[in-house]
Amino acid sequence: MTPREMALREDLSREYYALNDAVASADGRLMTVKGWSVTLSLAALGLGFQQSHYALFGLAAVTAASFWFLDGLIKGHQVRYYGRLRDIEVAANALNAVELGELGEVSSPRINMSWEFRGQQQGPDCRDGPPTRLTAQVTRRVLRRRFVLPNVMLPHLAAVILGSVLFVAAASDAWGLSAFTP
């Protein structure tokens, strides 16, 4: 292996794990956003019942929707790292692949590629052979759908629905909520 190839291998390794740390820290931020969303939305709902003010139900829904939007933005930033992580896995495979008997060709790192393995019998097994690059189409699809991914929209969606339903019910004097004021 030439000195240039060794330097490239080291640089790719450092970049890969720095990107992986960035993805992991985004997960921490996403959990913080979810925590604040639940806390503030539930506080607004509880205060709405305590004070008999149904505007607080609407506030809970708007608060949850705002945190849902923020959650989707952060997820979008996180998803943009996946393509580079995969490119580094492809390059590392070209530099490091070793044939290991029944395991076939093995290379490292493969954290990003391993997420495609679902344990199903049909379809290609992503653990076999070289990793493949993420296509622009896959990245665009995930970015377009990021706001409706279950791990992004929950728990925000529940608070949006509950706050909205309670707001409309109280505003229309339904369900015994006629004593509530705006």
C-alpha atoms as a PDB file:
ATOM      1  CA  MET A   1       0.000   0.000   0.000  1.00  0.00           C
ATOM      2  CA  THR A   2       1.368   3.383  -0.996  1.00  0.00           C
ATOM      3  CA  PRO A   3       1.736   6.281   1.453  1.00  0.00           C
ATOM      4  CA  ARG A   4      -1.050   8.124  -0.412  1.00  0.00           C
ATOM      5  CA  GLU A   5      -3.398   5.168   0.014  1.00  0.00           C
ATOM      6  CA  MET A   6      -2.507   4.927   3.719  1.00  0.00           C
ATOM      7  CA  ALA A   7      -3.148   8.658   4.173  1.00  0.00           C
ATOM      8  CA  LEU A   8      -6.466   8.363   2.331  1.00  0.00           C
ATOM      9  CA  ARG A   9      -7.486   5.401   4.478  1.00  0.00           C
ATOM     10  CA  GLU A  10      -6.730   7.344   7.673  1.00  0.00           C
ATOM     11  CA  ASP A  11      -8.494  10.488   6.439  1.00  0.00           C
ATOM     12  CA  LEU A  12     -11.570   8.513   5.393  1.00  0.00           C
ATOM     13  CA  SER A  13     -11.664   6.774   8.763  1.00  0.00           C
ATOM     14  CA  ARG A  14     -11.478  10.070  10.676  1.00  0.00           C
ATOM     15  CA  GLU A  15     -14.131  11.656   8.469  1.00  0.00           C
ATOM     16  CA  TYR A  16     -16.419   8.641   8.741  1.00  0.00           C
ATOM     17  CA  TYR A  17     -16.405   8.571  12.516  1.00  0.00           C
ATOM     18  CA  ALA A  18     -16.753  12.363  12.721  1.00  0.00           C
ATOM     19  CA  LEU A  19     -19.838  12.119  10.493  1.00  0.00           C
ATOM     20  CA  ASN A  20     -21.149   9.210  12.534  1.00  0.00           C
ATOM     21  CA  ASP A  21     -20.746  11.317  15.690  1.00  0.00           C
ATOM     22  CA  ALA A  22     -22.638  14.176  13.990  1.00  0.00           C
ATOM     23  CA  VAL A  23     -25.509  11.807  13.156  1.00  0.00           C
ATOM     24  CA  ALA A  24     -25.554  10.502  16.737  1.00  0.00           C
ATOM     25  CA  SER A  25     -25.529  14.008  18.212  1.00  0.00           C
ATOM     26  CA  ALA A  26     -28.467  14.925  15.958  1.00  0.00           C
ATOM     27  CA  ASP A  27     -30.340  12.007  17.521  1.00  0.00           C
ATOM     28  CA  GLY A  28     -29.703  13.592  20.915  1.00  0.00           C
ATOM     29  CA  ARG A  29     -31.072  16.918  19.685  1.00  0.00           C
ATOM     30  CA  LEU A  30     -34.134  15.144  18.260  1.00  0.00           C
ATOM     31  CA  MET A  31     -34.840  13.578  21.653  1.00  0.00           C
ATOM     32  CA  THR A  32     -34.500  16.995  23.306  1.00  0.00           C
ATOM     33  CA  VAL A  33     -36.987  18.484  20.820  1.00  0.00           C
ATOM     34  CA  LYS A  34     -39.430  15.653  21.508  1.00  0.00           C
ATOM     35  CA  GLY A  35     -39.031  16.124  25.261  1.00  0.00           C
ATOM     36  CA  TRP A  36     -39.740  19.851  25.051  1.00  0.00           C
ATOM     37  CA  SER A  37     -42.690  19.236  22.747  1.00  0.00           C
ATOM     38  CA  VAL A  38     -44.322  16.771  25.129  1.00  0.00           C
ATOM     39  CA  THR A  39     -43.575  18.904  28.189  1.00  0.00           C
ATOM     40  CA  LEU A  40     -44.925  22.174  26.799  1.00  0.00           C
ATOM     41  CA  SER A  41     -47.919  20.625  25.037  1.00  0.00           C
ATOM     42  CA  LEU A  42     -49.010  18.646  28.083  1.00  0.00           C
ATOM     43  CA  ALA A  43     -48.458  21.681  30.300  1.00  0.00           C
ATOM     44  CA  ALA A  44     -50.672  23.790  28.003  1.00  0.00           C
ATOM     45  CA  LEU A  45     -53.359  21.087  27.928  1.00  0.00           C
ATOM     46  CA  GLY A  46     -53.286  20.698  31.706  1.00  0.00           C
ATOM     47  CA  LEU A  47     -53.343  24.445  32.269  1.00  0.00           C
ATOM     48  CA  GLY A  48     -56.250  24.708  29.833  1.00  0.00           C
ATOM     49  CA  PHE A  49     -58.280  22.324  31.975  1.00  0.00           C
ATOM     50  CA  GLN A  50     -57.146  23.940  35.224  1.00  0.00           C
ATOM     51  CA  GLN A  51     -57.951  27.481  34.104  1.00  0.00           C
ATOM     52  CA  SER A  52     -60.954  26.524  31.895  1.00  0.00           C
ATOM     53  CA  HIS A  53     -59.437  28.417  28.951  1.00  0.00           C
ATOM     54  CA  TYR A  54     -59.722  26.530  25.698  1.00  0.00           C
ATOM     55  CA  ALA A  55     -57.265  28.833  23.892  1.00  0.00           C
ATOM     56  CA  LEU A  56     -54.575  26.902  25.749  1.00  0.00           C
ATOM     57  CA  PHE A  57     -55.686  23.749  23.890  1.00  0.00           C
ATOM     58  CA  GLY A  58     -54.993  25.572  20.632  1.00  0.00           C
ATOM     59  CA  LEU A  59     -51.669  26.741  22.031  1.00  0.00           C
ATOM     60  CA  ALA A  60     -50.774  23.122  22.823  1.00  0.00           C
ATOM     61  CA  ALA A  61     -51.544  22.103  19.224  1.00  0.00           C
ATOM     62  CA  VAL A  62     -49.539  24.983  17.747  1.00  0.00           C
ATOM     63  CA  THR A  63     -46.625  24.289  20.090  1.00  0.00           C
ATOM     64  CA  ALA A  64     -46.545  20.621  19.115  1.00  0.00           C
ATOM     65  CA  ALA A  65     -46.776  21.509  15.406  1.00  0.00           C
ATOM     66  CA  SER A  66     -43.840  23.906  15.789  1.00  0.00           C
ATOM     67  CA  PHE A  67     -41.693  21.273  17.471  1.00  0.00           C
ATOM     68  CA  TRP A  68     -42.749  18.748  14.789  1.00  0.00           C
ATOM     69  CA  PHE A  69     -41.466  21.174  12.146  1.00  0.00           C
ATOM     70  CA  LEU A  70     -38.192  21.643  14.050  1.00  0.00           C
ATOM     71  CA  ASP A  71     -37.862  17.866  14.411  1.00  0.00           C
ATOM     72  CA  GLY A  72     -38.252  17.488  10.632  1.00  0.00           C
ATOM     73  CA  LEU A  73     -35.648  20.170   9.947  1.00  0.00           C
ATOM     74  CA  ILE A  74     -33.092  18.476  12.184  1.00  0.00           C
ATOM     75  CA  LYS A  75     -33.869  15.091  10.605  1.00  0.00           C
ATOM     76  CA  GLY A  76     -33.261  16.665   7.182  1.00  0.00           C
ATOM     77  CA  HIS A  77     -29.833  17.890   8.278  1.00  0.00           C
ATOM     78  CA  GLN A  78     -29.051  14.436   9.640  1.00  0.00           C
ATOM     79  CA  VAL A  79     -30.145  12.635   6.451  1.00  0.00           C
ATOM     80  CA  ARG A  80     -27.783  14.764   4.373  1.00  0.00           C
ATOM     81  CA  TYR A  81     -24.831  12.989   6.053  1.00  0.00           C
ATOM     82  CA  TYR A  82     -25.959   9.502   5.005  1.00  0.00           C
ATOM     83  CA  GLY A  83     -24.750   9.772   1.406  1.00  0.00           C
ATOM     84  CA  ARG A  84     -21.227  10.738   2.439  1.00  0.00           C
ATOM     85  CA  LEU A  85     -21.134   7.995   5.057  1.00  0.00           C
ATOM     86  CA  ARG A  86     -22.062   5.480   2.366  1.00  0.00           C
ATOM     87  CA  ASP A  87     -19.504   6.896  -0.087  1.00  0.00           C
ATOM     88  CA  ILE A  88     -16.798   6.392   2.526  1.00  0.00           C
ATOM     89  CA  GLU A  89     -17.976   2.808   3.052  1.00  0.00           C
ATOM     90  CA  VAL A  90     -17.716   2.192  -0.708  1.00  0.00           C
ATOM     91  CA  ALA A  91     -14.210   3.700  -0.796  1.00  0.00           C
ATOM     92  CA  ALA A  92     -13.144   1.751   2.301  1.00  0.00           C
ATOM     93  CA  ASN A  93     -14.357  -1.434   0.656  1.00  0.00           C
ATOM     94  CA  ALA A  94     -12.193  -0.714  -2.394  1.00  0.00           C
ATOM     95  CA  LEU A  95      -9.181  -0.111  -0.131  1.00  0.00           C
ATOM     96  CA  ASN A  96      -9.721  -2.744   2.588  1.00  0.00           C
ATOM     97  CA  ALA A  97     -11.861  -5.657   1.343  1.00  0.00           C
ATOM     98  CA  VAL A  98     -10.691  -9.098   2.488  1.00  0.00           C
ATOM     99  CA  GLU A  99     -12.144 -12.478   1.487  1.00  0.00           C
ATOM    100  CA  LEU A 100     -13.182 -14.387   4.652  1.00  0.00           C
ATOM    101  CA  GLY A 101     -14.505 -17.785   3.647  1.00  0.00           C
ATOM    102  CA  GLU A 102     -18.265 -18.187   4.116  1.00  0.00           C
ATOM    103  CA  LEU A 103     -18.654 -14.508   5.074  1.00  0.00           C
ATOM    104  CA  GLY A 104     -17.447 -13.553   1.619  1.00  0.00           C
ATOM    105  CA  GLU A 105     -15.827 -10.198   1.021  1.00  0.00           C
ATOM    106  CA  VAL A 106     -15.660  -8.184   4.238  1.00  0.00           C
ATOM    107  CA  SER A 107     -14.703  -4.554   4.749  1.00  0.00           C
ATOM    108  CA  SER A 108     -15.064  -1.947   7.417  1.00  0.00           C
ATOM    109  CA  PRO A 109     -16.741   0.412   8.215  1.00  0.00           C
ATOM    110  CA  ARG A 110     -20.280  -0.597   7.192  1.00  0.00           C
ATOM    111  CA  ILE A 111     -22.493   1.044   9.828  1.00  0.00           C
ATOM    112  CA  ASN A 112     -24.603   2.937   7.294  1.00  0.00           C
ATOM    113  CA  MET A 113     -24.975   0.002   4.910  1.00  0.00           C
ATOM    114  CA  SER A 114     -26.016  -2.354   7.709  1.00  0.00           C
ATOM    115  CA  TRP A 115     -29.188  -0.313   8.342  1.00  0.00           C
ATOM    116  CA  GLU A 116     -30.637  -1.786   5.149  1.00  0.00           C
ATOM    117  CA  PHE A 117     -30.549  -5.324   6.552  1.00  0.00           C
ATOM    118  CA  ARG A 118     -34.041  -6.266   7.732  1.00  0.00           C
ATOM    119  CA  GLY A 119     -33.585  -9.998   8.240  1.00  0.00           C
ATOM    120  CA  GLN A 120     -35.918 -10.896   5.388  1.00  0.00           C
ATOM    121  CA  GLN A 121     -35.285 -13.810   3.059  1.00  0.00           C
ATOM    122  CA  GLN A 122     -36.348 -12.068  -0.150  1.00  0.00           C
ATOM    123  CA  GLY A 123     -34.255  -9.379  -1.791  1.00  0.00           C
ATOM    124  CA  PRO A 124     -30.523  -8.826  -1.702  1.00  0.00           C
ATOM    125  CA  ASP A 125     -28.657  -9.250   1.557  1.00  0.00           C
ATOM    126  CA  CYS A 126     -26.788  -5.979   2.113  1.00  0.00           C
ATOM    127  CA  ARG A 127     -24.250  -7.819   4.236  1.00  0.00           C
ATOM    128  CA  ASP A 128     -22.941  -9.661   1.164  1.00  0.00           C
ATOM    129  CA  GLY A 129     -20.647  -8.078  -1.379  1.00  0.00           C
ATOM    130  CA  PRO A 130     -19.477  -4.530  -1.618  1.00  0.00           C
ATOM    131  CA  PRO A 131     -21.537  -1.641  -0.272  1.00  0.00           C
ATOM    132  CA  THR A 132     -23.396   0.464  -2.814  1.00  0.00           C
ATOM    133  CA  ARG A 133     -23.752   4.215  -3.004  1.00  0.00           C
ATOM    134  CA  LEU A 134     -26.990   5.874  -1.968  1.00  0.00           C
ATOM    135  CA  THR A 135     -28.750   7.241  -4.989  1.00  0.00           C
ATOM    136  CA  ALA A 136     -29.889  10.833  -5.206  1.00  0.00           C
ATOM    137  CA  GLN A 137     -33.425   9.494  -5.669  1.00  0.00           C
ATOM    138  CA  VAL A 138     -33.361   7.660  -2.315  1.00  0.00           C
ATOM    139  CA  THR A 139     -31.987  10.715  -0.518  1.00  0.00           C
ATOM    140  CA  ARG A 140     -34.597  13.004  -2.098  1.00  0.00           C
ATOM    141  CA  ARG A 141     -37.399  10.570  -1.169  1.00  0.00           C
ATOM    142  CA  VAL A 142     -36.333  10.492   2.473  1.00  0.00           C
ATOM    143  CA  LEU A 143     -35.944  14.275   2.576  1.00  0.00           C
ATOM    144  CA  ARG A 144     -39.413  14.769   1.066  1.00  0.00           C
ATOM    145  CA  ARG A 145     -41.015  12.349   3.509  1.00  0.00           C
ATOM    146  CA  ARG A 146     -39.066  13.351   6.620  1.00  0.00           C
ATOM    147  CA  PHE A 147     -41.992  15.176   8.245  1.00  0.00           C
ATOM    148  CA  VAL A 148     -44.251  12.111   8.016  1.00  0.00           C
ATOM    149  CA  LEU A 149     -41.733   9.515   9.145  1.00  0.00           C
ATOM    150  CA  PRO A 150     -43.121   7.875  12.303  1.00  0.00           C
ATOM    151  CA  ASN A 151     -39.945   8.634  14.268  1.00  0.00           C
ATOM    152  CA  VAL A 152     -40.305  12.335  13.355  1.00  0.00           C
ATOM    153  CA  MET A 153     -44.041  12.928  13.695  1.00  0.00           C
ATOM    154  CA  LEU A 154     -44.474  11.108  16.988  1.00  0.00           C
ATOM    155  CA  PRO A 155     -45.217  12.262  19.695  1.00  0.00           C
ATOM    156  CA  HIS A 156     -45.952  15.669  18.129  1.00  0.00           C
ATOM    157  CA  LEU A 157     -48.882  14.407  16.049  1.00  0.00           C
ATOM    158  CA  ALA A 158     -50.689  13.118  19.144  1.00  0.00           C
ATOM    159  CA  ALA A 159     -50.451  16.526  20.827  1.00  0.00           C
ATOM    160  CA  VAL A 160     -51.550  18.352  17.659  1.00  0.00           C
ATOM    161  CA  ILE A 161     -54.615  16.116  17.320  1.00  0.00           C
ATOM    162  CA  LEU A 162     -55.530  16.190  21.017  1.00  0.00           C
ATOM    163  CA  GLY A 163     -55.071  19.971  21.317  1.00  0.00           C
ATOM    164  CA  SER A 164     -57.024  20.622  18.112  1.00  0.00           C
ATOM    165  CA  VAL A 165     -59.894  18.308  19.030  1.00  0.00           C
ATOM    166  CA  LEU A 166     -60.193  19.803  22.521  1.00  0.00           C
ATOM    167  CA  PHE A 167     -60.006  23.357  21.121  1.00  0.00           C
ATOM    168  CA  VAL A 168     -62.776  22.717  18.578  1.00  0.00           C
ATOM    169  CA  ALA A 169     -64.900  20.830  21.130  1.00  0.00           C
ATOM    170  CA  ALA A 170     -64.630  23.601  23.711  1.00  0.00           C
ATOM    171  CA  ALA A 171     -65.241  26.343  21.129  1.00  0.00           C
ATOM    172  CA  SER A 172     -68.428  24.574  20.013  1.00  0.00           C
ATOM    173  CA  ASP A 173     -69.547  23.773  23.589  1.00  0.00           C
ATOM    174  CA  ALA A 174     -69.325  20.018  22.990  1.00  0.00           C
ATOM    175  CA  TRP A 175     -68.568  17.254  25.493  1.00  0.00           C
ATOM    176  CA  GLY A 176     -69.516  19.311  28.517  1.00  0.00           C
ATOM    177  CA  LEU A 177     -66.804  21.887  27.815  1.00  0.00           C
ATOM    178  CA  SER A 178     -69.292  24.784  27.637  1.00  0.00           C
ATOM    179  CA  ALA A 179     -67.848  26.332  30.803  1.00  0.00           C
ATOM    180  CA  PHE A 180     -64.519  26.934  29.014  1.00  0.00           C
ATOM    181  CA  THR A 181     -63.749  30.466  27.883  1.00  0.00           C
ATOM    182  CA  PRO A 182     -61.416  31.584  25.112  1.00  0.00           C
END
